[in-house]
Amino acid sequence: MTFTAVTFAPVQSFIRSSRKLRDLYGSSLLLSHLARALHDDAVHQLSDPDAVISPAEVALSRGVPNTLIIRGNYSATQARKVLLSTWDQVLQACRAWLERQIKVSDFPERPQGWKDDWDAGWGASWKAAALHSWEVFHGQGSSIAEAREVLE
C-alpha cells in the first residue's frame, strides 16, 4: 500500500501578513479552499471517497489543514496542477471584480506609453502571481510515517 503526504507553502507567511481580523479570516478561508481542492481531487483521482485519511472528514470549506495524508498514489504533478488551477480561478475572480470596479479611463493621467489593455498594464504581474505564489511538497511511502518523513 502506498501513502501520500501533500502540503503547500507559504502558509505561515501568508497568514502572518494579515493585519486585521478580517484579513486573517479571509486568508484562512482561501487556504482552506486550496486544501479542499486538493482533497476533492485526490478523492476523484483515486475513485475512493475515503482516500484522504487526514483530515478525517472535510464537511466544510473552513478550517481544512494544508497537509493531507492520502491512501494511494496521488502524484506531485497532479497536486501542483490542481493547486495552481484553483489559485488561478481565485485570481480570475479577483481580476473580474477589479475590472468591474476600476476602469482605466478613470485615471486620465496615465504614464507615457500606457496601453489601455489588461496584458500591457498588469498581465505580467498577474501571470507571475498565478505561477509562482505557491509551492507544493509531496512525499510517498509504504506507511503514513514514511510518507510524512519523505514529505519533511
C-alpha atoms as a PDB file:
ATOM      1  CA  MET A   1       0.000   0.000   0.000  1.00  0.00           C
ATOM      2  CA  THR A   2       1.228   3.478  -0.889  1.00  0.00           C
ATOM      3  CA  PHE A   3       0.531   6.530   1.245  1.00  0.00           C
ATOM      4  CA  THR A   4       0.948  10.091   0.013  1.00  0.00           C
ATOM      5  CA  ALA A   5       1.520  13.252   2.047  1.00  0.00           C
ATOM      6  CA  VAL A   6       0.877  16.593   0.327  1.00  0.00           C
ATOM      7  CA  THR A   7       1.216  20.142   1.580  1.00  0.00           C
ATOM      8  CA  PHE A   8       1.769  23.584   0.123  1.00  0.00           C
ATOM      9  CA  ALA A   9       3.524  26.765   1.118  1.00  0.00           C
ATOM     10  CA  PRO A  10       3.919  29.619   2.041  1.00  0.00           C
ATOM     11  CA  VAL A  11       1.097  29.233   4.546  1.00  0.00           C
ATOM     12  CA  GLN A  12       2.719  30.821   7.610  1.00  0.00           C
ATOM     13  CA  SER A  13       3.868  33.978   5.818  1.00  0.00           C
ATOM     14  CA  PHE A  14       0.509  34.198   4.064  1.00  0.00           C
ATOM     15  CA  ILE A  15      -1.308  34.194   7.428  1.00  0.00           C
ATOM     16  CA  ARG A  16       1.337  36.391   9.095  1.00  0.00           C
ATOM     17  CA  SER A  17       0.774  39.156   6.537  1.00  0.00           C
ATOM     18  CA  SER A  18      -2.795  39.572   7.798  1.00  0.00           C
ATOM     19  CA  ARG A  19      -3.097  42.887   9.614  1.00  0.00           C
ATOM     20  CA  LYS A  20      -6.729  42.737  10.651  1.00  0.00           C
ATOM     21  CA  LEU A  21      -9.031  40.006  11.834  1.00  0.00           C
ATOM     22  CA  ARG A  22     -10.948  40.076   8.549  1.00  0.00           C
ATOM     23  CA  ASP A  23      -7.650  39.577   6.677  1.00  0.00           C
ATOM     24  CA  LEU A  24      -6.853  36.585   8.863  1.00  0.00           C
ATOM     25  CA  TYR A  25     -10.342  35.169   8.315  1.00  0.00           C
ATOM     26  CA  GLY A  26     -10.087  35.691   4.549  1.00  0.00           C
ATOM     27  CA  SER A  27      -6.603  34.139   4.444  1.00  0.00           C
ATOM     28  CA  SER A  28      -7.832  31.131   6.381  1.00  0.00           C
ATOM     29  CA  LEU A  29     -10.797  30.680   4.027  1.00  0.00           C
ATOM     30  CA  LEU A  30      -8.552  30.933   0.999  1.00  0.00           C
ATOM     31  CA  LEU A  31      -6.075  28.380   2.362  1.00  0.00           C
ATOM     32  CA  SER A  32      -8.950  26.067   3.247  1.00  0.00           C
ATOM     33  CA  HIS A  33     -10.330  26.468  -0.277  1.00  0.00           C
ATOM     34  CA  LEU A  34      -6.990  25.421  -1.789  1.00  0.00           C
ATOM     35  CA  ALA A  35      -6.666  22.445   0.590  1.00  0.00           C
ATOM     36  CA  ARG A  36     -10.251  21.427  -0.131  1.00  0.00           C
ATOM     37  CA  ALA A  37      -9.490  21.412  -3.873  1.00  0.00           C
ATOM     38  CA  LEU A  38      -6.591  19.011  -3.235  1.00  0.00           C
ATOM     39  CA  HIS A  39      -8.814  16.850  -1.043  1.00  0.00           C
ATOM     40  CA  ASP A  40     -11.596  16.663  -3.623  1.00  0.00           C
ATOM     41  CA  ASP A  41      -9.197  15.931  -6.464  1.00  0.00           C
ATOM     42  CA  ALA A  42      -7.460  13.125  -4.557  1.00  0.00           C
ATOM     43  CA  VAL A  43     -10.848  11.525  -3.840  1.00  0.00           C
ATOM     44  CA  HIS A  44     -11.767  11.862  -7.522  1.00  0.00           C
ATOM     45  CA  GLN A  45      -8.419  10.674  -8.922  1.00  0.00           C
ATOM     46  CA  LEU A  46      -8.288   7.632  -6.669  1.00  0.00           C
ATOM     47  CA  SER A  47     -12.025   6.876  -7.031  1.00  0.00           C
ATOM     48  CA  ASP A  48     -12.248   6.379  -3.294  1.00  0.00           C
ATOM     49  CA  PRO A  49     -14.387   8.595  -1.043  1.00  0.00           C
ATOM     50  CA  ASP A  50     -12.192   7.553   1.902  1.00  0.00           C
ATOM     51  CA  ALA A  51      -8.836   8.113   0.149  1.00  0.00           C
ATOM     52  CA  VAL A  52      -7.975  11.128   2.299  1.00  0.00           C
ATOM     53  CA  ILE A  53      -7.069   9.853   5.756  1.00  0.00           C
ATOM     54  CA  SER A  54      -6.209  13.203   7.285  1.00  0.00           C
ATOM     55  CA  PRO A  55      -8.065  15.412   7.742  1.00  0.00           C
ATOM     56  CA  ALA A  56     -10.509  12.687   8.686  1.00  0.00           C
ATOM     57  CA  GLU A  57     -13.607  14.470   7.394  1.00  0.00           C
ATOM     58  CA  VAL A  58     -13.929  17.575   5.300  1.00  0.00           C
ATOM     59  CA  ALA A  59     -17.549  18.608   5.581  1.00  0.00           C
ATOM     60  CA  LEU A  60     -16.990  22.328   5.076  1.00  0.00           C
ATOM     61  CA  SER A  61     -14.537  24.527   3.248  1.00  0.00           C
ATOM     62  CA  ARG A  62     -13.416  26.127   6.505  1.00  0.00           C
ATOM     63  CA  GLY A  63     -10.586  25.041   8.704  1.00  0.00           C
ATOM     64  CA  VAL A  64      -9.143  22.487   6.282  1.00  0.00           C
ATOM     65  CA  PRO A  65      -5.476  21.930   7.192  1.00  0.00           C
ATOM     66  CA  ASN A  66      -2.910  22.384   4.449  1.00  0.00           C
ATOM     67  CA  THR A  67      -1.326  18.952   4.929  1.00  0.00           C
ATOM     68  CA  LEU A  68      -3.216  15.956   3.589  1.00  0.00           C
ATOM     69  CA  ILE A  69      -2.462  12.274   4.136  1.00  0.00           C
ATOM     70  CA  ILE A  70      -3.832  10.168   1.302  1.00  0.00           C
ATOM     71  CA  ARG A  71      -4.192   6.403   0.982  1.00  0.00           C
ATOM     72  CA  GLY A  72      -2.954   5.708  -2.534  1.00  0.00           C
ATOM     73  CA  ASN A  73      -0.661   7.066  -5.226  1.00  0.00           C
ATOM     74  CA  TYR A  74      -1.565  10.730  -5.695  1.00  0.00           C
ATOM     75  CA  SER A  75       1.104  12.325  -7.880  1.00  0.00           C
ATOM     76  CA  ALA A  76       3.005  15.518  -7.170  1.00  0.00           C
ATOM     77  CA  THR A  77       2.280  16.664 -10.722  1.00  0.00           C
ATOM     78  CA  GLN A  78      -1.463  16.317 -10.188  1.00  0.00           C
ATOM     79  CA  ALA A  79      -1.319  18.083  -6.813  1.00  0.00           C
ATOM     80  CA  ARG A  80       0.561  21.019  -8.341  1.00  0.00           C
ATOM     81  CA  LYS A  81      -1.827  21.171 -11.293  1.00  0.00           C
ATOM     82  CA  VAL A  82      -4.892  21.269  -9.032  1.00  0.00           C
ATOM     83  CA  LEU A  83      -3.450  23.793  -6.594  1.00  0.00           C
ATOM     84  CA  LEU A  84      -2.355  26.187  -9.344  1.00  0.00           C
ATOM     85  CA  SER A  85      -5.603  25.751 -11.263  1.00  0.00           C
ATOM     86  CA  THR A  86      -7.650  26.541  -8.162  1.00  0.00           C
ATOM     87  CA  TRP A  87      -5.427  29.534  -7.370  1.00  0.00           C
ATOM     88  CA  ASP A  88      -5.833  30.758 -10.952  1.00  0.00           C
ATOM     89  CA  GLN A  89      -9.626  30.586 -10.558  1.00  0.00           C
ATOM     90  CA  VAL A  90      -9.341  32.773  -7.451  1.00  0.00           C
ATOM     91  CA  LEU A  91      -7.134  35.256  -9.305  1.00  0.00           C
ATOM     92  CA  GLN A  92      -9.530  35.374 -12.262  1.00  0.00           C
ATOM     93  CA  ALA A  93     -12.443  36.103  -9.927  1.00  0.00           C
ATOM     94  CA  CYS A  94     -10.418  38.914  -8.304  1.00  0.00           C
ATOM     95  CA  ARG A  95      -9.451  40.285 -11.698  1.00  0.00           C
ATOM     96  CA  ALA A  96     -13.077  40.284 -12.875  1.00  0.00           C
ATOM     97  CA  TRP A  97     -14.128  42.123  -9.711  1.00  0.00           C
ATOM     98  CA  LEU A  98     -11.360  44.709 -10.127  1.00  0.00           C
ATOM     99  CA  GLU A  99     -12.253  45.266 -13.769  1.00  0.00           C
ATOM    100  CA  ARG A 100     -15.864  45.905 -12.780  1.00  0.00           C
ATOM    101  CA  GLN A 101     -14.818  48.364 -10.066  1.00  0.00           C
ATOM    102  CA  ILE A 102     -11.972  50.248 -11.712  1.00  0.00           C
ATOM    103  CA  LYS A 103     -11.862  51.476 -15.309  1.00  0.00           C
ATOM    104  CA  VAL A 104      -8.614  52.621 -16.887  1.00  0.00           C
ATOM    105  CA  SER A 105     -10.477  55.667 -18.177  1.00  0.00           C
ATOM    106  CA  ASP A 106     -10.969  56.730 -14.534  1.00  0.00           C
ATOM    107  CA  PHE A 107      -7.261  57.609 -14.474  1.00  0.00           C
ATOM    108  CA  PRO A 108      -6.669  60.343 -17.063  1.00  0.00           C
ATOM    109  CA  GLU A 109      -3.046  60.864 -16.009  1.00  0.00           C
ATOM    110  CA  ARG A 110      -1.560  57.549 -17.090  1.00  0.00           C
ATOM    111  CA  PRO A 111       2.199  57.056 -17.588  1.00  0.00           C
ATOM    112  CA  GLN A 112       3.641  57.807 -21.019  1.00  0.00           C
ATOM    113  CA  GLY A 113       3.130  54.859 -23.369  1.00  0.00           C
ATOM    114  CA  TRP A 114       0.492  53.219 -21.168  1.00  0.00           C
ATOM    115  CA  LYS A 115      -1.805  50.965 -23.134  1.00  0.00           C
ATOM    116  CA  ASP A 116      -5.421  50.516 -22.142  1.00  0.00           C
ATOM    117  CA  ASP A 117      -5.339  46.758 -22.375  1.00  0.00           C
ATOM    118  CA  TRP A 118      -5.001  44.414 -19.409  1.00  0.00           C
ATOM    119  CA  ASP A 119      -1.987  42.432 -20.604  1.00  0.00           C
ATOM    120  CA  ALA A 120       0.123  45.510 -21.240  1.00  0.00           C
ATOM    121  CA  GLY A 121      -0.704  47.051 -17.872  1.00  0.00           C
ATOM    122  CA  TRP A 122      -0.988  44.219 -15.371  1.00  0.00           C
ATOM    123  CA  GLY A 123      -0.882  40.913 -17.219  1.00  0.00           C
ATOM    124  CA  ALA A 124       2.730  40.005 -16.445  1.00  0.00           C
ATOM    125  CA  SER A 125       2.312  40.652 -12.714  1.00  0.00           C
ATOM    126  CA  TRP A 126      -0.861  38.591 -12.504  1.00  0.00           C
ATOM    127  CA  LYS A 127       0.670  35.778 -14.540  1.00  0.00           C
ATOM    128  CA  ALA A 128       3.660  35.697 -12.175  1.00  0.00           C
ATOM    129  CA  ALA A 129       1.291  35.576  -9.192  1.00  0.00           C
ATOM    130  CA  ALA A 130      -0.602  32.701 -10.805  1.00  0.00           C
ATOM    131  CA  LEU A 131       2.518  30.649 -11.474  1.00  0.00           C
ATOM    132  CA  HIS A 132       4.857  31.475  -8.586  1.00  0.00           C
ATOM    133  CA  SER A 133       2.789  32.107  -5.447  1.00  0.00           C
ATOM    134  CA  TRP A 134       2.606  28.530  -4.190  1.00  0.00           C
ATOM    135  CA  GLU A 135       4.941  25.595  -3.861  1.00  0.00           C
ATOM    136  CA  VAL A 136       3.705  22.021  -3.473  1.00  0.00           C
ATOM    137  CA  PHE A 137       5.550  19.474  -1.343  1.00  0.00           C
ATOM    138  CA  HIS A 138       4.928  15.762  -1.816  1.00  0.00           C
ATOM    139  CA  GLY A 139       6.096  12.577  -0.144  1.00  0.00           C
ATOM    140  CA  GLN A 140       5.219   8.917  -0.547  1.00  0.00           C
ATOM    141  CA  GLY A 141       5.952   5.789   1.392  1.00  0.00           C
ATOM    142  CA  SER A 142       4.659   2.383   2.375  1.00  0.00           C
ATOM    143  CA  SER A 143       3.360   3.792   5.684  1.00  0.00           C
ATOM    144  CA  ILE A 144       1.941   7.115   6.842  1.00  0.00           C
ATOM    145  CA  ALA A 145       5.057   7.744   8.911  1.00  0.00           C
ATOM    146  CA  GLU A 146       7.296   7.064   5.915  1.00  0.00           C
ATOM    147  CA  ALA A 147       5.253   9.364   3.656  1.00  0.00           C
ATOM    148  CA  ARG A 148       5.424  12.151   6.269  1.00  0.00           C
ATOM    149  CA  GLU A 149       9.176  11.629   6.672  1.00  0.00           C
ATOM    150  CA  VAL A 150       9.722  11.898   2.902  1.00  0.00           C
ATOM    151  CA  LEU A 151       7.495  14.996   2.856  1.00  0.00           C
ATOM    152  CA  GLU A 152       9.659  16.684   5.501  1.00  0.00           C
END
